[in-house]
Amino acid sequence: MDQSKDIEVEITFLTPEEGGRRTPAFSGYRPQFYYDGIDCDAQHTYIGTEQVLPVQTVRAYLAFFAPHLHASRIHPGLEFLIREGSRTVARGRVLQILELEQSAERARSRSK
């Protein structure tokens, strides 16, 4: 997978009592990014740390597996969920769009 930095986000992991993870998440974590009724895979790269414990808030770069599906839909301020299957493990919001358009264009050109 491309190691692009499509978007920068802030994520707060839920406690285990809220249904969140019981173990840390590490950079390279690939859960579902859920917004507007859509689950999509995105790889996390945490900023300033390699792991995040339950209940912690972290800034991260996300790289989408299918960026061309999200380029015109994601915007700063968008709130989203992080899910493992149907279980919500974190909540977040988009801080800024970084390389999403470029990643989407590369994905479109590969599919031609």
N, C-alpha and C. Protein backbone atom coordinates (compact mmCIF):
# COMPACT_ATOMS: atom_id res chain seq x y z
N MET A 1 0.83 -1.20 0.00
CA MET A 1 0.00 0.00 0.00
C MET A 1 0.86 1.25 0.00
N ASP A 2 0.37 2.26 -0.63
CA ASP A 2 0.99 3.57 -0.68
C ASP A 2 1.08 4.16 0.73
N GLN A 3 2.19 4.75 1.09
CA GLN A 3 2.34 5.35 2.41
C GLN A 3 2.03 6.84 2.37
N SER A 4 1.04 7.24 1.61
CA SER A 4 0.67 8.64 1.52
C SER A 4 0.07 9.13 2.83
N LYS A 5 0.03 10.42 2.95
CA LYS A 5 -0.62 11.07 4.09
C LYS A 5 -1.83 11.79 3.51
N ASP A 6 -2.91 11.04 3.35
CA ASP A 6 -4.10 11.61 2.71
C ASP A 6 -4.74 12.70 3.55
N ILE A 7 -4.92 12.43 4.84
CA ILE A 7 -5.54 13.41 5.72
C ILE A 7 -4.85 13.38 7.08
N GLU A 8 -4.97 14.49 7.81
CA GLU A 8 -4.52 14.54 9.20
C GLU A 8 -5.77 14.61 10.06
N VAL A 9 -5.77 13.80 11.12
CA VAL A 9 -6.95 13.68 11.97
C VAL A 9 -6.56 13.73 13.43
N GLU A 10 -7.55 13.94 14.28
CA GLU A 10 -7.41 13.77 15.72
C GLU A 10 -8.35 12.65 16.11
N ILE A 11 -7.83 11.65 16.84
CA ILE A 11 -8.60 10.47 17.21
C ILE A 11 -8.56 10.31 18.72
N THR A 12 -9.71 10.04 19.33
CA THR A 12 -9.78 9.70 20.74
C THR A 12 -10.29 8.27 20.86
N PHE A 13 -9.45 7.42 21.44
CA PHE A 13 -9.82 6.01 21.61
C PHE A 13 -10.75 5.87 22.81
N LEU A 14 -11.77 5.03 22.66
CA LEU A 14 -12.72 4.78 23.73
C LEU A 14 -12.10 3.87 24.79
N THR A 15 -12.67 3.90 25.96
CA THR A 15 -12.24 2.99 27.02
C THR A 15 -12.80 1.60 26.73
N PRO A 16 -12.22 0.56 27.32
CA PRO A 16 -12.80 -0.78 27.15
C PRO A 16 -14.26 -0.83 27.62
N GLU A 17 -14.59 -0.09 28.66
CA GLU A 17 -15.97 -0.07 29.17
C GLU A 17 -16.95 0.55 28.16
N GLU A 18 -16.44 1.41 27.30
CA GLU A 18 -17.28 2.02 26.26
C GLU A 18 -17.30 1.16 24.99
N GLY A 19 -16.62 0.02 25.02
CA GLY A 19 -16.57 -0.86 23.85
C GLY A 19 -15.28 -0.74 23.07
N GLY A 20 -14.35 0.09 23.55
CA GLY A 20 -13.08 0.30 22.87
C GLY A 20 -12.11 -0.85 23.05
N ARG A 21 -10.94 -0.66 22.51
CA ARG A 21 -9.88 -1.67 22.59
C ARG A 21 -9.38 -1.84 24.03
N ARG A 22 -8.89 -3.01 24.32
CA ARG A 22 -8.25 -3.27 25.62
C ARG A 22 -6.73 -3.19 25.50
N THR A 23 -6.24 -3.21 24.28
CA THR A 23 -4.80 -3.18 24.02
C THR A 23 -4.45 -1.94 23.21
N PRO A 24 -3.19 -1.54 23.19
CA PRO A 24 -2.80 -0.36 22.41
C PRO A 24 -2.98 -0.58 20.92
N ALA A 25 -3.12 0.51 20.20
CA ALA A 25 -3.08 0.50 18.74
C ALA A 25 -1.71 1.05 18.35
N PHE A 26 -1.12 0.50 17.31
CA PHE A 26 0.21 0.90 16.87
C PHE A 26 0.14 1.52 15.49
N SER A 27 1.10 2.40 15.17
CA SER A 27 1.21 2.90 13.80
C SER A 27 1.21 1.71 12.86
N GLY A 28 0.48 1.83 11.77
CA GLY A 28 0.29 0.73 10.84
C GLY A 28 -1.06 0.06 11.02
N TYR A 29 -1.77 0.39 12.12
CA TYR A 29 -3.13 -0.11 12.41
C TYR A 29 -4.02 0.20 11.22
N ARG A 30 -4.87 -0.76 10.83
CA ARG A 30 -5.71 -0.61 9.64
C ARG A 30 -7.17 -0.92 9.91
N PRO A 31 -7.83 -0.15 10.77
CA PRO A 31 -9.26 -0.37 11.03
C PRO A 31 -10.10 0.31 9.95
N GLN A 32 -11.39 0.32 10.15
CA GLN A 32 -12.29 1.01 9.22
C GLN A 32 -12.52 2.45 9.69
N PHE A 33 -12.51 3.34 8.73
CA PHE A 33 -12.82 4.75 8.90
C PHE A 33 -14.28 4.85 8.47
N TYR A 34 -15.17 5.24 9.39
CA TYR A 34 -16.61 5.22 9.12
C TYR A 34 -17.18 6.63 9.14
N TYR A 35 -17.81 7.01 8.05
CA TYR A 35 -18.49 8.30 7.95
C TYR A 35 -19.60 8.19 6.91
N ASP A 36 -20.63 8.97 7.06
CA ASP A 36 -21.75 9.01 6.09
C ASP A 36 -22.23 7.62 5.68
N GLY A 37 -22.24 6.67 6.61
CA GLY A 37 -22.73 5.33 6.30
C GLY A 37 -21.75 4.47 5.52
N ILE A 38 -20.51 4.92 5.39
CA ILE A 38 -19.48 4.21 4.61
C ILE A 38 -18.36 3.74 5.53
N ASP A 39 -18.01 2.47 5.42
CA ASP A 39 -16.83 1.92 6.08
C ASP A 39 -15.74 1.81 5.02
N CYS A 40 -14.57 2.35 5.29
CA CYS A 40 -13.46 2.22 4.35
C CYS A 40 -12.17 1.97 5.12
N ASP A 41 -11.28 1.24 4.52
CA ASP A 41 -10.02 0.92 5.17
C ASP A 41 -9.04 2.07 5.04
N ALA A 42 -8.35 2.35 6.15
CA ALA A 42 -7.34 3.40 6.16
C ALA A 42 -6.23 2.99 7.12
N GLN A 43 -5.01 3.20 6.70
CA GLN A 43 -3.87 2.88 7.55
C GLN A 43 -3.49 4.11 8.37
N HIS A 44 -3.25 3.90 9.67
CA HIS A 44 -2.90 4.98 10.60
C HIS A 44 -1.38 5.09 10.76
N THR A 45 -0.90 6.32 10.78
CA THR A 45 0.47 6.61 11.20
C THR A 45 0.35 7.67 12.29
N TYR A 46 0.68 7.31 13.51
CA TYR A 46 0.51 8.23 14.63
C TYR A 46 1.65 9.24 14.67
N ILE A 47 1.31 10.46 14.99
CA ILE A 47 2.28 11.56 15.00
C ILE A 47 2.87 11.67 16.40
N GLY A 48 4.18 11.53 16.50
CA GLY A 48 4.87 11.71 17.77
C GLY A 48 4.88 10.50 18.68
N THR A 49 4.29 9.39 18.25
CA THR A 49 4.27 8.17 19.06
C THR A 49 4.05 6.98 18.14
N GLU A 50 4.43 5.82 18.61
CA GLU A 50 4.20 4.60 17.84
C GLU A 50 2.98 3.84 18.32
N GLN A 51 2.52 4.14 19.55
CA GLN A 51 1.35 3.43 20.08
C GLN A 51 0.42 4.37 20.81
N VAL A 52 -0.85 3.99 20.83
CA VAL A 52 -1.88 4.76 21.51
C VAL A 52 -2.65 3.81 22.42
N LEU A 53 -2.78 4.19 23.67
CA LEU A 53 -3.52 3.38 24.64
C LEU A 53 -5.01 3.72 24.60
N PRO A 54 -5.86 2.79 25.06
CA PRO A 54 -7.28 3.13 25.17
C PRO A 54 -7.44 4.41 25.99
N VAL A 55 -8.36 5.26 25.60
CA VAL A 55 -8.71 6.55 26.21
C VAL A 55 -7.80 7.70 25.78
N GLN A 56 -6.68 7.43 25.12
CA GLN A 56 -5.79 8.51 24.69
C GLN A 56 -6.31 9.18 23.42
N THR A 57 -5.90 10.44 23.27
CA THR A 57 -6.17 11.20 22.06
C THR A 57 -4.85 11.38 21.33
N VAL A 58 -4.88 11.22 20.02
CA VAL A 58 -3.66 11.30 19.23
C VAL A 58 -3.97 11.97 17.89
N ARG A 59 -2.96 12.63 17.35
CA ARG A 59 -3.05 13.10 15.96
C ARG A 59 -2.42 12.04 15.08
N ALA A 60 -2.98 11.87 13.89
CA ALA A 60 -2.50 10.81 13.00
C ALA A 60 -2.67 11.23 11.54
N TYR A 61 -1.86 10.60 10.71
CA TYR A 61 -2.05 10.67 9.26
C TYR A 61 -2.76 9.39 8.86
N LEU A 62 -3.75 9.52 7.99
CA LEU A 62 -4.45 8.34 7.47
C LEU A 62 -4.20 8.25 5.98
N ALA A 63 -3.98 7.03 5.52
CA ALA A 63 -3.83 6.75 4.09
C ALA A 63 -4.95 5.77 3.71
N PHE A 64 -5.79 6.17 2.77
CA PHE A 64 -6.92 5.34 2.35
C PHE A 64 -6.50 4.30 1.34
N PHE A 65 -7.14 3.12 1.40
CA PHE A 65 -6.87 2.06 0.44
C PHE A 65 -7.54 2.37 -0.90
N ALA A 66 -8.59 3.16 -0.90
CA ALA A 66 -9.29 3.56 -2.13
C ALA A 66 -9.54 5.07 -2.07
N PRO A 67 -8.48 5.88 -2.16
CA PRO A 67 -8.64 7.33 -1.96
C PRO A 67 -9.57 8.00 -2.96
N HIS A 68 -9.65 7.47 -4.18
CA HIS A 68 -10.51 8.09 -5.20
C HIS A 68 -11.99 8.06 -4.81
N LEU A 69 -12.37 7.20 -3.88
CA LEU A 69 -13.76 7.16 -3.43
C LEU A 69 -14.09 8.25 -2.40
N HIS A 70 -13.07 8.92 -1.89
CA HIS A 70 -13.27 9.86 -0.78
C HIS A 70 -12.83 11.29 -1.09
N ALA A 71 -12.15 11.51 -2.20
CA ALA A 71 -11.52 12.81 -2.48
C ALA A 71 -12.49 13.98 -2.40
N SER A 72 -13.67 13.85 -2.90
CA SER A 72 -14.61 14.98 -2.90
C SER A 72 -15.57 14.95 -1.71
N ARG A 73 -15.44 13.95 -0.84
CA ARG A 73 -16.41 13.78 0.24
C ARG A 73 -15.88 14.18 1.61
N ILE A 74 -14.57 14.10 1.80
CA ILE A 74 -13.97 14.36 3.11
C ILE A 74 -13.50 15.81 3.18
N HIS A 75 -13.73 16.45 4.31
CA HIS A 75 -13.38 17.85 4.48
C HIS A 75 -12.97 18.11 5.93
N PRO A 76 -12.20 19.18 6.17
CA PRO A 76 -11.84 19.52 7.56
C PRO A 76 -13.10 19.71 8.40
N GLY A 77 -13.05 19.18 9.62
CA GLY A 77 -14.18 19.27 10.52
C GLY A 77 -15.09 18.05 10.48
N LEU A 78 -14.96 17.21 9.45
CA LEU A 78 -15.78 16.00 9.35
C LEU A 78 -15.53 15.10 10.56
N GLU A 79 -16.60 14.69 11.21
CA GLU A 79 -16.48 13.77 12.33
C GLU A 79 -16.68 12.35 11.82
N PHE A 80 -15.94 11.41 12.40
CA PHE A 80 -15.97 10.03 11.94
C PHE A 80 -15.79 9.09 13.12
N LEU A 81 -16.00 7.81 12.85
CA LEU A 81 -15.75 6.76 13.84
C LEU A 81 -14.64 5.87 13.32
N ILE A 82 -13.92 5.25 14.24
CA ILE A 82 -12.97 4.21 13.91
C ILE A 82 -13.60 2.92 14.39
N ARG A 83 -13.70 1.94 13.48
CA ARG A 83 -14.39 0.70 13.82
C ARG A 83 -13.53 -0.52 13.51
N GLU A 84 -13.75 -1.54 14.30
CA GLU A 84 -13.20 -2.87 14.04
C GLU A 84 -14.42 -3.74 13.80
N GLY A 85 -14.71 -3.98 12.54
CA GLY A 85 -15.98 -4.63 12.20
C GLY A 85 -17.11 -3.68 12.54
N SER A 86 -18.08 -4.14 13.31
CA SER A 86 -19.20 -3.27 13.68
C SER A 86 -18.98 -2.56 15.02
N ARG A 87 -17.84 -2.83 15.67
CA ARG A 87 -17.56 -2.27 17.00
C ARG A 87 -16.80 -0.95 16.86
N THR A 88 -17.35 0.11 17.44
CA THR A 88 -16.68 1.42 17.44
C THR A 88 -15.63 1.43 18.54
N VAL A 89 -14.39 1.76 18.16
CA VAL A 89 -13.28 1.77 19.12
C VAL A 89 -12.72 3.17 19.35
N ALA A 90 -13.11 4.13 18.48
CA ALA A 90 -12.60 5.50 18.63
C ALA A 90 -13.49 6.46 17.84
N ARG A 91 -13.35 7.73 18.17
CA ARG A 91 -14.06 8.82 17.47
C ARG A 91 -13.01 9.84 17.05
N GLY A 92 -13.30 10.54 15.97
CA GLY A 92 -12.33 11.54 15.55
C GLY A 92 -12.92 12.60 14.66
N ARG A 93 -12.04 13.50 14.26
CA ARG A 93 -12.44 14.53 13.30
C ARG A 93 -11.26 14.85 12.40
N VAL A 94 -11.57 15.23 11.19
CA VAL A 94 -10.55 15.57 10.20
C VAL A 94 -10.02 16.96 10.51
N LEU A 95 -8.70 17.08 10.61
CA LEU A 95 -8.06 18.38 10.84
C LEU A 95 -7.73 19.07 9.52
N GLN A 96 -7.13 18.31 8.60
CA GLN A 96 -6.80 18.90 7.31
C GLN A 96 -6.63 17.83 6.24
N ILE A 97 -6.85 18.25 5.00
CA ILE A 97 -6.64 17.39 3.84
C ILE A 97 -5.20 17.62 3.40
N LEU A 98 -4.46 16.55 3.21
CA LEU A 98 -3.05 16.66 2.83
C LEU A 98 -2.86 16.19 1.39
N GLU A 99 -2.66 14.90 1.18
CA GLU A 99 -2.35 14.36 -0.15
C GLU A 99 -3.50 13.57 -0.76
N LEU A 100 -4.70 13.79 -0.28
CA LEU A 100 -5.84 12.98 -0.73
C LEU A 100 -6.08 13.10 -2.24
N GLU A 101 -6.05 14.29 -2.76
CA GLU A 101 -6.30 14.48 -4.20
C GLU A 101 -5.24 13.79 -5.04
N GLN A 102 -3.98 13.92 -4.65
CA GLN A 102 -2.89 13.27 -5.39
C GLN A 102 -3.02 11.75 -5.33
N SER A 103 -3.35 11.22 -4.14
CA SER A 103 -3.54 9.77 -3.99
C SER A 103 -4.71 9.29 -4.84
N ALA A 104 -5.77 10.08 -4.87
CA ALA A 104 -6.95 9.72 -5.67
C ALA A 104 -6.59 9.69 -7.15
N GLU A 105 -5.83 10.65 -7.60
CA GLU A 105 -5.43 10.70 -9.02
C GLU A 105 -4.56 9.50 -9.37
N ARG A 106 -3.63 9.13 -8.49
CA ARG A 106 -2.79 7.95 -8.74
C ARG A 106 -3.67 6.69 -8.82
N ALA A 107 -4.65 6.58 -7.92
CA ALA A 107 -5.54 5.41 -7.92
C ALA A 107 -6.36 5.37 -9.20
N ARG A 108 -6.85 6.52 -9.65
CA ARG A 108 -7.63 6.56 -10.88
C ARG A 108 -6.77 6.14 -12.09
N SER A 109 -5.54 6.63 -12.13
CA SER A 109 -4.69 6.31 -13.28
C SER A 109 -4.28 4.83 -13.29
N ARG A 110 -4.16 4.20 -12.11
CA ARG A 110 -3.84 2.77 -12.04
C ARG A 110 -5.01 1.90 -12.51
N SER A 111 -6.23 2.41 -12.34
CA SER A 111 -7.40 1.59 -12.69
C SER A 111 -7.77 1.71 -14.16
N LYS A 112 -7.06 2.53 -14.91
CA LYS A 112 -7.37 2.68 -16.37
C LYS A 112 -6.74 1.58 -17.18
